[in-house]
Amino acid sequence: MRQTGSVPLTDSVRRPVGLPITLLVTGAIGLLASLALTLDKIALLENPNVQLGCNFSVLIGCSDNLNSVQGSVFGFPNPILGLVFWAAVITVGVGMLAGARFAGWFWALFSIGTAAALALVVWFIIQSIFVLRVLCPWCMVTWVVTIPVFFVVVLHTLRSEPVPAPLRRVASVGFFWIPAATLVCYVVIAVLAQVQLDVLGEFF
C-alpha cells in the first residue's frame, strides 16, 4: 500500500469530511447565538430596562424570553447550556478533521446529548409560540442549527455503529434525506408561528 508520510492514502480517502464540517459550521453559528444571548442576559441583569439590539417589536425580541422562567430552565440562563453544547460540537468536528476516531460509546452519548438538546429546543419553541407569544431572534438561530445537528449525529451513529442491519440501512438512506427533513421542520415551525402569532402581519 503506497503511503504519504506515515498515513495511508486509504485512510485520508475514507476519513469523513462532510460530517465534521457540518458540525463545525453549525457549532460556530450556535456558539455565536449562545454568546450573544449570554451577553444580552448579562446586560439585562445589569439594567432590567436596557433596550437590547435584538428587540425589534412586541412580537420579536429577546428580553421577554431571557427574563422568563422558561429562559432559566435549570436555575441558570439557558444560553450557558448553549455555550457548553456548541463548544462540544465544535470540538468533535475539529477532532474528526484531525483524524480522531471516537468509540461507539462516545457516539451513543453524543447522540443522547443532541437528542436532549433537540427536546429542549422543541419545548422552548412551544413555549415561545404558545405561551410567551414572542420570538427571540437569537433563539431561532439556535433552533435552526440544532435540528440538522440532531439528524446528522444520530443517523451517523446508527449507520456506523453495531446496530441491527435493517436499522443501519434505514439510517444510511435517511442520511441523504437530512436536508429535506430539516426543511420540513423549518416549515412546520414557521406555519405554527404564523398561525398563532401572525408573524407576516408584523411586517406587512
Protein backbone atom coordinates (compact mmCIF):
# COMPACT_ATOMS: atom_id res chain seq x y z
CA MET A 1 0.00 0.00 0.00
CA ARG A 2 1.52 3.32 -1.05
CA GLN A 3 1.77 5.86 1.75
CA THR A 4 2.16 9.60 2.04
CA GLY A 5 4.43 10.11 5.04
CA SER A 6 3.12 7.76 7.69
CA VAL A 7 -0.59 7.97 6.81
CA PRO A 8 -2.01 5.50 4.25
CA LEU A 9 -3.82 7.12 1.36
CA THR A 10 -6.83 4.93 2.04
CA ASP A 11 -7.22 6.49 5.49
CA SER A 12 -7.36 10.01 4.08
CA VAL A 13 -9.85 8.91 1.43
CA ARG A 14 -12.14 7.21 3.92
CA ARG A 15 -11.93 9.93 6.55
CA PRO A 16 -15.35 11.64 6.73
CA VAL A 17 -15.32 15.29 5.76
CA GLY A 18 -18.97 16.31 5.38
CA LEU A 19 -19.93 15.41 8.95
CA PRO A 20 -17.13 17.31 10.75
CA ILE A 21 -17.60 20.35 8.51
CA THR A 22 -21.32 20.29 9.29
CA LEU A 23 -20.53 20.11 12.99
CA LEU A 24 -18.03 22.97 12.72
CA VAL A 25 -20.35 25.29 10.79
CA THR A 26 -23.46 24.63 12.86
CA GLY A 27 -21.40 24.66 16.05
CA ALA A 28 -19.89 28.05 15.22
CA ILE A 29 -23.32 29.51 14.43
CA GLY A 30 -24.85 28.04 17.57
CA LEU A 31 -21.96 29.24 19.73
CA LEU A 32 -22.29 32.76 18.32
CA ALA A 33 -26.02 32.80 19.08
CA SER A 34 -25.47 31.47 22.61
CA LEU A 35 -22.75 34.04 23.24
CA ALA A 36 -25.00 36.85 22.03
CA LEU A 37 -27.80 35.63 24.32
CA THR A 38 -25.39 35.35 27.25
CA LEU A 39 -24.19 38.92 26.77
CA ASP A 40 -27.79 40.10 26.45
CA LYS A 41 -28.69 38.32 29.68
CA ILE A 42 -25.77 39.99 31.47
CA ALA A 43 -26.94 43.35 30.12
CA LEU A 44 -30.44 42.70 31.47
CA LEU A 45 -29.07 41.74 34.87
CA GLU A 46 -27.11 44.99 34.99
CA ASN A 47 -30.03 47.08 33.77
CA PRO A 48 -33.51 45.48 33.51
CA ASN A 49 -34.68 48.40 31.36
CA VAL A 50 -31.91 48.16 28.76
CA GLN A 51 -33.03 48.04 25.13
CA LEU A 52 -31.36 45.06 23.51
CA GLY A 53 -30.38 45.15 19.87
CA CYS A 54 -32.46 42.01 19.22
CA ASN A 55 -35.68 43.67 20.42
CA PHE A 56 -37.45 44.63 17.21
CA SER A 57 -41.08 44.70 18.36
CA VAL A 58 -43.52 43.26 20.86
CA LEU A 59 -43.61 40.09 18.77
CA ILE A 60 -39.90 39.73 18.00
CA GLY A 61 -37.32 40.26 20.73
CA CYS A 62 -35.05 38.60 23.28
CA SER A 63 -35.88 40.34 26.56
CA ASP A 64 -39.13 38.54 27.35
CA ASN A 65 -37.61 35.14 26.68
CA LEU A 66 -34.46 35.81 28.68
CA ASN A 67 -36.42 37.20 31.65
CA SER A 68 -38.98 34.38 31.66
CA VAL A 69 -38.97 31.28 33.84
CA GLN A 70 -38.56 29.30 30.62
CA GLY A 71 -35.33 31.19 29.96
CA SER A 72 -33.70 29.58 33.02
CA VAL A 73 -35.00 26.02 32.97
CA PHE A 74 -32.35 24.61 35.31
CA GLY A 75 -31.98 27.66 37.53
CA PHE A 76 -29.41 29.42 35.37
CA PRO A 77 -29.74 31.12 31.95
CA ASN A 78 -30.31 28.69 29.08
CA PRO A 79 -27.57 30.31 26.95
CA ILE A 80 -24.97 28.83 29.30
CA LEU A 81 -26.14 25.38 28.22
CA GLY A 82 -25.73 26.52 24.64
CA LEU A 83 -22.15 27.65 25.23
CA VAL A 84 -21.23 24.23 26.61
CA PHE A 85 -23.13 22.22 23.99
CA TRP A 86 -21.90 24.10 20.94
CA ALA A 87 -18.31 24.13 22.22
CA ALA A 88 -18.57 20.33 22.43
CA VAL A 89 -19.98 20.12 18.90
CA ILE A 90 -17.09 22.21 17.55
CA THR A 91 -14.57 20.10 19.46
CA VAL A 92 -15.91 16.89 17.93
CA GLY A 93 -15.81 18.45 14.46
CA VAL A 94 -12.22 19.60 14.87
CA GLY A 95 -11.22 16.22 16.27
CA MET A 96 -12.72 14.37 13.30
CA LEU A 97 -10.97 16.64 10.81
CA ALA A 98 -7.71 15.97 12.65
CA GLY A 99 -8.24 12.25 12.17
CA ALA A 100 -9.71 11.29 15.53
CA ARG A 101 -11.91 8.20 15.64
CA PHE A 102 -14.33 8.16 18.54
CA ALA A 103 -15.53 4.98 20.22
CA GLY A 104 -19.05 3.68 19.84
CA TRP A 105 -19.97 4.61 23.40
CA PHE A 106 -18.91 8.20 22.67
CA TRP A 107 -21.24 8.42 19.66
CA ALA A 108 -24.03 6.91 21.75
CA LEU A 109 -23.58 9.56 24.44
CA PHE A 110 -23.21 12.30 21.83
CA SER A 111 -26.45 11.18 20.20
CA ILE A 112 -28.22 11.26 23.56
CA GLY A 113 -26.85 14.76 24.13
CA THR A 114 -28.07 16.04 20.76
CA ALA A 115 -31.46 14.39 21.36
CA ALA A 116 -31.69 16.17 24.72
CA ALA A 117 -30.74 19.45 23.04
CA LEU A 118 -33.45 18.95 20.42
CA ALA A 119 -36.02 18.09 23.09
CA LEU A 120 -35.19 21.31 24.94
CA VAL A 121 -35.42 23.29 21.70
CA VAL A 122 -38.80 21.78 20.83
CA TRP A 123 -40.07 22.58 24.31
CA PHE A 124 -38.86 26.16 24.06
CA ILE A 125 -40.36 26.56 20.58
CA ILE A 126 -43.73 25.55 22.05
CA GLN A 127 -43.27 27.91 24.98
CA SER A 128 -42.24 30.79 22.73
CA ILE A 129 -45.11 30.40 20.30
CA PHE A 130 -47.97 29.31 22.54
CA VAL A 131 -47.11 30.69 26.00
CA LEU A 132 -44.72 33.64 25.79
CA ARG A 133 -46.02 34.58 22.33
CA VAL A 134 -42.77 36.23 21.33
CA LEU A 135 -39.98 35.07 19.03
CA CYS A 136 -36.38 35.58 20.14
CA PRO A 137 -34.11 36.09 17.07
CA TRP A 138 -31.00 34.54 18.62
CA CYS A 139 -33.08 31.67 20.00
CA MET A 140 -34.39 31.00 16.50
CA VAL A 141 -30.83 30.83 15.20
CA THR A 142 -30.20 28.13 17.79
CA TRP A 143 -33.31 26.26 16.67
CA VAL A 144 -32.14 26.40 13.06
CA VAL A 145 -28.80 24.71 13.75
CA THR A 146 -29.89 22.26 16.47
CA ILE A 147 -32.27 20.41 14.15
CA PRO A 148 -29.72 19.36 11.49
CA VAL A 149 -27.10 18.55 14.14
CA PHE A 150 -29.52 16.11 15.74
CA PHE A 151 -30.17 14.40 12.41
CA VAL A 152 -26.53 14.10 11.33
CA VAL A 153 -25.24 12.88 14.68
CA VAL A 154 -27.98 10.31 15.35
CA LEU A 155 -28.07 8.94 11.81
CA HIS A 156 -24.27 8.81 11.61
CA THR A 157 -24.23 6.84 14.86
CA LEU A 158 -26.88 4.40 13.67
CA ARG A 159 -25.24 3.77 10.31
CA SER A 160 -21.68 3.47 11.70
CA GLU A 161 -22.08 1.52 14.93
CA PRO A 162 -23.08 -2.13 15.55
CA VAL A 163 -26.86 -1.89 15.41
CA PRO A 164 -29.32 -4.26 13.67
CA ALA A 165 -28.73 -4.31 9.91
CA PRO A 166 -32.24 -3.07 8.97
CA LEU A 167 -31.83 -0.06 11.26
CA ARG A 168 -28.39 0.64 9.80
CA ARG A 169 -29.80 0.55 6.27
CA VAL A 170 -32.62 2.92 7.20
CA ALA A 171 -30.10 5.31 8.77
CA SER A 172 -27.88 5.17 5.68
CA VAL A 173 -30.80 6.08 3.42
CA GLY A 174 -32.11 8.65 5.88
CA PHE A 175 -28.74 10.42 5.94
CA PHE A 176 -29.31 11.64 2.41
CA TRP A 177 -32.75 12.97 3.36
CA ILE A 178 -31.45 15.19 6.15
CA PRO A 179 -31.78 18.46 4.14
CA ALA A 180 -35.39 17.66 3.23
CA ALA A 181 -36.27 16.58 6.79
CA THR A 182 -34.66 19.72 8.19
CA LEU A 183 -36.58 21.90 5.74
CA VAL A 184 -39.85 20.23 6.74
CA CYS A 185 -39.12 21.02 10.39
CA TYR A 186 -38.47 24.66 9.50
CA VAL A 187 -41.75 24.86 7.58
CA VAL A 188 -43.71 23.34 10.48
CA ILE A 189 -42.23 25.89 12.91
CA ALA A 190 -42.93 28.75 10.51
CA VAL A 191 -46.53 27.67 10.00
CA LEU A 192 -47.14 27.35 13.74
CA ALA A 193 -45.65 30.80 14.33
CA GLN A 194 -47.73 32.32 11.56
CA VAL A 195 -50.99 30.71 12.70
CA GLN A 196 -50.51 31.62 16.36
CA LEU A 197 -48.72 34.96 16.11
CA ASP A 198 -49.39 36.29 12.58
CA VAL A 199 -45.71 36.96 12.03
CA LEU A 200 -46.25 38.18 8.46
CA GLY A 201 -48.76 40.72 9.73
CA GLU A 202 -45.93 42.24 11.77
CA PHE A 203 -44.15 43.23 8.57
CA PHE A 204 -46.94 43.83 6.08
